[in-house]
Protein backbone atom coordinates (compact mmCIF):
# COMPACT_ATOMS: atom_id res chain seq x y z
CA MET A 1 136.75 66.83 98.35
CA ARG A 2 136.82 70.10 100.42
CA THR A 3 134.55 71.92 98.52
CA PHE A 4 131.27 71.29 100.24
CA ASN A 5 132.90 70.13 103.66
CA LEU A 6 131.98 73.44 105.37
CA ILE A 7 128.25 72.96 104.02
CA ILE A 8 127.89 69.62 105.50
CA ILE A 9 129.71 71.01 108.92
CA LEU A 10 127.24 73.69 109.31
CA SER A 11 124.42 71.36 108.65
CA GLU A 12 125.48 69.33 111.44
CA ILE A 13 125.64 72.00 113.98
CA PRO A 14 122.08 71.93 115.88
CA PHE A 15 122.56 76.02 116.35
CA VAL A 16 122.62 76.41 112.85
CA ARG A 17 119.64 73.78 112.14
CA GLU A 18 117.53 75.58 114.84
CA VAL A 19 118.23 79.21 113.62
CA LEU A 20 117.34 78.28 109.93
CA LEU A 21 114.37 76.60 111.32
CA ASN A 22 113.31 79.52 113.24
CA VAL A 23 113.85 81.79 110.05
CA MET A 24 111.87 79.65 107.93
CA THR A 25 108.94 79.34 110.41
CA LEU A 26 109.00 83.15 111.24
CA LEU A 27 108.78 83.87 107.66
CA MET A 28 105.83 82.01 107.05
CA LEU A 29 104.12 83.39 110.20
CA THR A 30 104.55 86.95 109.40
CA SER A 31 103.49 86.77 105.52
CA SER A 32 100.33 84.64 106.92
CA GLN A 33 99.36 86.46 109.96
CA ASP A 34 96.47 89.49 109.77
CA PRO A 35 98.77 92.55 110.38
CA GLY A 36 95.52 94.13 112.15
CA PHE A 37 93.07 95.05 109.09
CA ILE A 38 90.57 97.19 110.06
CA PRO A 39 87.14 96.10 108.34
CA ARG A 40 85.58 98.54 105.70
CA ALA A 41 82.04 99.99 106.18
CA PRO A 42 79.47 97.28 104.55
CA HIS A 43 77.68 100.42 103.08
CA GLN A 44 78.67 104.00 101.96
CA PRO A 45 77.25 106.77 103.54
CA ALA A 46 74.87 109.17 101.96
CA GLU A 47 77.00 112.36 102.98
CA LEU A 48 80.61 112.15 103.92
CA PRO A 49 81.04 112.87 107.82
CA PRO A 50 84.02 115.19 109.06
CA GLN A 51 87.26 114.30 108.14
CA THR A 52 88.83 114.55 111.40
CA ARG A 53 87.47 113.77 114.80
CA LEU A 54 88.88 114.05 118.39
CA VAL A 55 89.87 110.74 119.94
CA ARG A 56 90.96 110.16 123.90
CA LEU A 57 94.13 108.39 123.80
CA ARG A 58 94.77 108.32 127.46
CA GLU A 59 94.16 111.17 130.28
CA GLY A 60 95.05 114.33 129.05
CA ILE A 61 95.82 113.29 125.76
CA MET A 62 93.76 113.92 122.59
CA VAL A 63 94.77 112.45 119.19
CA LYS A 64 92.93 113.09 115.65
CA SER A 65 91.14 110.28 114.09
CA LYS A 66 91.13 110.77 110.23
CA PHE A 67 88.22 109.32 108.23
CA CYS A 68 89.41 107.02 105.20
CA THR A 69 87.35 107.80 102.24
CA THR A 70 88.43 104.32 100.64
CA CYS A 71 87.31 102.11 103.78
CA MET A 72 84.69 104.51 104.78
CA VAL A 73 85.61 104.51 108.54
CA TYR A 74 87.59 106.37 110.92
CA ARG A 75 91.12 105.31 111.53
CA PRO A 76 92.16 104.23 114.97
CA PRO A 77 95.10 106.11 116.19
CA ARG A 78 98.21 105.34 114.47
CA CYS A 79 96.65 103.46 111.77
CA HIS A 80 97.26 104.32 108.15
CA HIS A 81 96.13 103.20 104.76
CA CYS A 82 98.70 100.92 102.87
CA SER A 83 98.34 101.75 99.66
CA ILE A 84 99.48 98.33 98.00
CA CYS A 85 97.17 96.20 100.21
CA ASP A 86 94.44 98.66 99.78
CA ASN A 87 93.23 98.62 103.43
CA CYS A 88 93.56 100.29 106.83
CA VAL A 89 96.41 98.50 109.06
CA ASP A 90 96.38 99.00 113.00
CA ARG A 91 99.65 100.64 113.86
CA PHE A 92 100.82 100.65 110.23
CA ASP A 93 104.70 100.12 110.31
CA HIS A 94 105.24 99.38 106.49
CA HIS A 95 104.82 97.22 103.97
CA CYS A 96 107.90 94.80 103.51
CA PRO A 97 108.27 93.57 99.69
CA TRP A 98 110.39 90.81 100.89
CA VAL A 99 107.72 89.13 103.22
CA GLY A 100 104.62 90.23 100.93
CA GLN A 101 102.59 91.46 103.61
CA CYS A 102 102.10 94.74 105.59
CA VAL A 103 103.79 94.92 109.06
CA GLY A 104 101.43 95.93 111.72
CA GLN A 105 99.94 95.57 115.40
CA ARG A 106 99.45 91.89 115.28
CA ASN A 107 102.65 90.66 113.22
CA TYR A 108 105.46 93.34 114.03
CA ARG A 109 106.73 90.91 116.78
CA LEU A 110 106.97 88.31 114.31
CA PHE A 111 108.78 90.44 111.97
CA PHE A 112 111.44 91.74 114.58
CA CYS A 113 112.38 87.95 115.66
CA PHE A 114 112.50 87.04 111.98
CA ILE A 115 114.66 89.68 111.16
CA SER A 116 116.82 89.31 114.01
CA CYS A 117 117.30 85.30 113.60
CA LEU A 118 118.41 86.07 109.96
CA THR A 119 120.63 88.48 111.25
CA ILE A 120 122.28 85.89 113.72
CA LEU A 121 122.10 83.03 110.65
CA CYS A 122 124.12 85.37 108.34
CA ALA A 123 126.75 86.38 111.05
CA PHE A 124 127.27 82.98 112.29
CA VAL A 125 128.03 81.86 108.41
CA PHE A 126 130.25 84.47 107.75
CA VAL A 127 132.27 83.71 110.95
CA MET A 128 132.35 80.12 110.25
CA SER A 129 133.51 80.32 106.49
CA VAL A 130 136.05 82.67 107.41
CA PHE A 131 137.21 80.64 110.40
CA TYR A 132 137.37 77.63 107.89
CA VAL A 133 139.42 79.29 105.86
CA LYS A 134 141.80 80.44 108.36
CA THR A 135 141.95 76.56 109.49
CA LEU A 136 142.90 75.78 106.02
CA MET A 137 145.53 78.09 105.85
CA ASN A 138 147.24 77.30 108.74
CA LYS A 139 146.96 73.64 108.21
CA ASN A 140 148.73 72.75 104.83
CA TYR A 141 150.36 76.07 103.12
CA ASP A 142 152.86 78.20 103.90
CA VAL A 143 152.54 82.11 104.91
CA LYS A 144 152.61 83.64 101.46
CA GLN A 145 150.38 81.87 99.43
CA ASN A 146 147.97 80.09 101.92
CA MET A 147 145.02 82.31 101.36
CA TRP A 148 144.58 81.95 97.69
CA LYS A 149 145.50 77.75 98.07
CA ALA A 150 143.18 77.69 100.50
CA LEU A 151 140.10 79.77 98.92
CA LYS A 152 140.71 77.47 95.60
CA GLU A 153 140.65 74.16 97.68
CA SER A 154 137.28 75.35 99.48
CA PRO A 155 135.33 77.51 96.84
CA ALA A 156 132.04 77.21 98.84
CA SER A 157 133.67 79.21 101.43
CA LEU A 158 134.20 81.99 99.16
CA LEU A 159 130.77 81.72 97.98
CA LEU A 160 129.06 81.63 101.41
CA MET A 161 131.12 84.80 102.55
CA VAL A 162 130.31 86.67 99.13
CA TYR A 163 126.68 85.66 99.95
CA SER A 164 126.33 86.06 103.60
CA PHE A 165 128.36 89.47 104.27
CA PRO A 166 126.31 91.57 101.82
CA ALA A 167 122.98 89.80 103.45
CA LEU A 168 124.80 90.41 106.92
CA CYS A 169 125.06 94.50 106.19
CA PHE A 170 121.66 94.61 105.05
CA VAL A 171 119.44 92.89 107.68
CA GLY A 172 121.84 93.86 110.36
CA SER A 173 120.98 97.78 109.42
CA LEU A 174 117.44 96.62 109.26
CA THR A 175 117.64 95.33 112.46
CA SER A 176 119.28 98.01 114.36
CA VAL A 177 116.91 100.49 112.85
CA HIS A 178 114.16 98.34 114.46
CA ILE A 179 115.92 98.25 117.57
CA TYR A 180 116.01 102.43 117.82
CA LEU A 181 111.99 102.16 117.12
CA ILE A 182 111.17 99.79 119.69
CA PHE A 183 112.96 101.97 122.07
CA THR A 184 111.38 104.92 121.36
CA ASN A 185 107.98 103.39 120.52
CA LYS A 186 107.94 104.53 116.96
CA THR A 187 106.77 103.00 113.44
CA THR A 188 108.66 103.29 110.61
CA TYR A 189 105.74 105.43 108.99
CA GLU A 190 106.08 107.80 111.91
CA HIS A 191 109.97 107.83 111.90
CA LYS A 192 109.96 109.10 108.41
CA ASN A 193 106.95 111.44 107.96
CA LEU A 194 106.97 112.46 111.76
CA LYS A 195 110.27 114.01 112.02
CA GLY A 196 110.38 116.67 114.49
CA MET A 197 106.91 116.06 116.15
CA LEU A 198 106.36 115.29 119.77
CA ASN A 199 106.20 111.55 120.56
CA ILE A 200 103.09 111.16 122.61
CA TYR A 201 103.62 107.31 122.86
CA ASP A 202 107.02 107.20 124.14
CA ARG A 203 106.84 105.94 128.05
CA GLY A 204 110.55 104.98 128.39
CA CYS A 205 113.03 102.50 127.09
CA VAL A 206 111.50 99.58 129.44
CA ALA A 207 107.88 100.41 128.74
CA ASN A 208 108.10 100.40 125.13
CA CYS A 209 109.96 97.03 124.77
CA ARG A 210 107.31 95.51 127.35
CA GLU A 211 104.54 97.10 125.28
CA THR A 212 105.95 96.24 121.65
CA LEU A 213 107.54 92.71 122.56
CA CYS A 214 105.68 91.43 125.51
CA THR A 215 101.73 92.40 125.02
CA SER A 216 99.88 90.15 123.65
CA PRO A 217 98.39 90.90 120.03
CA LYS A 218 94.65 92.19 119.79
CA PRO A 219 92.56 89.49 118.19
CA SER A 220 91.77 89.76 114.56
CA LEU A 221 88.76 91.83 113.59
CA ILE A 222 88.46 89.90 110.23
CA ASN A 223 85.92 86.88 110.32
CA LEU A 224 87.57 84.64 107.56
CA ARG A 225 84.51 82.14 108.37
CA ALA A 226 81.83 84.80 107.59
CA PHE A 227 79.75 84.48 104.32
CA VAL A 228 80.05 87.14 101.91
CA GLN A 229 77.06 89.46 101.95
CA GLU A 230 75.63 90.17 98.64
CA VAL A 231 74.89 93.79 98.03
CA SER A 232 71.65 94.54 96.04
CA MET A 233 72.38 96.59 93.14
CA PRO A 234 70.07 98.30 90.94
CA PRO A 235 69.29 96.39 87.63
CA VAL A 236 71.83 97.60 84.61
CA ILE A 237 69.76 98.28 81.40
CA GLN A 238 72.04 97.71 78.48
CA GLU A 239 71.05 99.20 75.11
CA PRO A 240 71.15 96.85 72.21
CA THR A 241 74.44 97.37 69.94
CA SER A 242 72.97 95.49 67.27
CA GLY A 243 70.00 95.54 65.03
CA PRO A 244 68.02 97.35 62.08
CA HIS A 245 67.91 100.48 63.80
CA VAL A 246 70.96 100.90 65.96
CA SER A 247 73.19 102.38 63.51
CA ASP A 248 71.17 105.41 62.69
CA ASP A 249 70.68 106.13 66.47
CA VAL A 250 74.45 105.66 67.25
CA ASP A 251 75.14 108.30 64.52
CA ASP A 252 72.75 110.42 65.13
CA LEU A 253 73.96 110.45 69.01
CA GLU A 254 77.60 110.97 67.84
CA SER A 255 76.88 113.94 65.92
CA GLY A 256 74.93 115.34 68.78
CA THR A 257 71.69 115.27 67.38
CA ASP A 258 68.73 112.98 68.60
CA TYR A 259 65.88 112.34 66.09
CA ASP A 260 62.66 110.60 66.94
CA ASP A 261 60.56 108.72 64.85
CA GLU A 262 58.00 111.33 64.70
CA ASP A 263 60.85 113.71 62.91
CA GLY A 264 61.24 111.41 60.31
CA ASP A 265 58.80 113.13 57.83
CA GLU A 266 60.47 116.44 58.65
CA VAL A 267 63.73 115.23 57.51
CA ALA A 268 62.38 113.80 54.37
CA GLU A 269 60.86 117.21 53.55
CA SER A 270 63.83 118.91 54.43
CA ASP A 271 66.20 116.74 52.07
CA ARG A 272 63.42 117.40 49.16
CA ALA A 273 63.34 120.99 49.58
CA ASN A 274 67.17 120.89 49.18
CA ASP A 275 67.05 119.02 46.30
CA GLU A 276 64.85 121.57 44.69
CA VAL A 277 67.18 124.47 45.45
CA ALA A 278 69.91 122.30 44.03
CA ASN A 279 68.10 121.83 40.63
CA SER A 280 66.96 125.55 40.64
CA ASP A 281 70.79 126.62 40.89
CA ARG A 282 71.65 123.97 38.11
CA ARG A 283 68.91 125.52 35.86
CA VAL A 284 70.63 128.96 36.33
CA ASN A 285 73.94 128.10 35.96
CA ASP A 286 72.84 126.53 32.44
CA ARG A 287 70.82 129.63 31.71
CA GLU A 288 74.26 131.95 32.33
CA ARG A 289 76.26 129.18 30.12
CA VAL A 290 73.91 129.79 26.86
CA GLY A 291 73.24 133.44 27.51
CA TYR A 292 69.50 132.68 28.04
CA SER A 293 67.71 134.95 29.87
CA LEU A 294 64.40 134.76 32.06
CA GLU A 295 62.45 137.13 29.39
CA ASP A 296 63.37 134.39 26.56
CA GLU A 297 62.08 131.46 28.51
CA ARG A 298 58.78 133.52 29.10
CA GLU A 299 58.22 133.98 25.46
CA ASP A 300 58.99 130.17 24.83
CA ILE A 301 56.69 129.06 27.63
CA GLU A 302 53.93 131.46 25.85
CA ALA A 303 54.55 130.11 22.65
CA GLY A 304 54.16 126.19 23.80
CA ARG A 305 57.75 125.28 22.82
CA GLY A 306 58.85 124.60 26.13
CA SER A 307 62.14 126.01 28.35
CA ARG A 308 65.51 125.65 27.01
CA SER A 309 66.73 125.24 30.16
CA GLU A 310 64.74 121.99 30.54
CA THR A 311 65.77 120.75 27.12
CA LEU A 312 69.18 121.36 28.11
CA GLY A 313 68.69 119.54 31.40
CA ARG A 314 67.21 116.55 29.68
């Protein structure tokens, strides 16, 4: 009877319902929000520009802007190309497989609120499950066997504790890491790949939190209502794959020889010459086999009796 009592109690608490609703809403917004994609160049340049150029970040600070050979644009500062989304993302943090979206400048605040609410929800569920088991232990059973009997009476509490504790450890550690990144004004990409380098974006703990969490995101550079522009491509001429003369041409191309129609007579003449050489060799072999010499054949021809080799051949 008490198997699902804890679930019913948790569902009736307004705090749990609000946090769960916030988690689902933030998850949907994070996965559907534009993280800050940089539009690609409409046309490929005839010659590639220099790979880097200097960009003024603020007074007295210059940073390098790299040229993306995939998007054919210069990346803004703190922008990187995501290999999974195959797009340049402004203030690229990381690609989250659980959200199914890149985390960048425009959806980082939603992502941080999402993992923070999820941490609070997991912690609250775990604490309430332990508290419910403790209540059953003190209510009906003695001190020695009360915990196992309480878990046997309410297995839902055990399932919630087993599920929420690993989730709390994982999401809680992720939230702690991002709190540190917000305080130092770093991204996950910069923290992982730019260790030991001077952080020129650090302005202090309070200013970093204000910049990351309290600054309105930039407008999206992707116009979802725009029509796709058709790029005119040169016509592609396809060679026929079937026909009366295709097989011979294919064989010639595979063998590395290209014959024209005008060369057909020369090929036929060379074939006939090869046949004549083969016939003369066969006659020589026949003469050697029967002991017949050229002088004997000349005498037979003068006498009008014909060649013995031709007779043998016939």
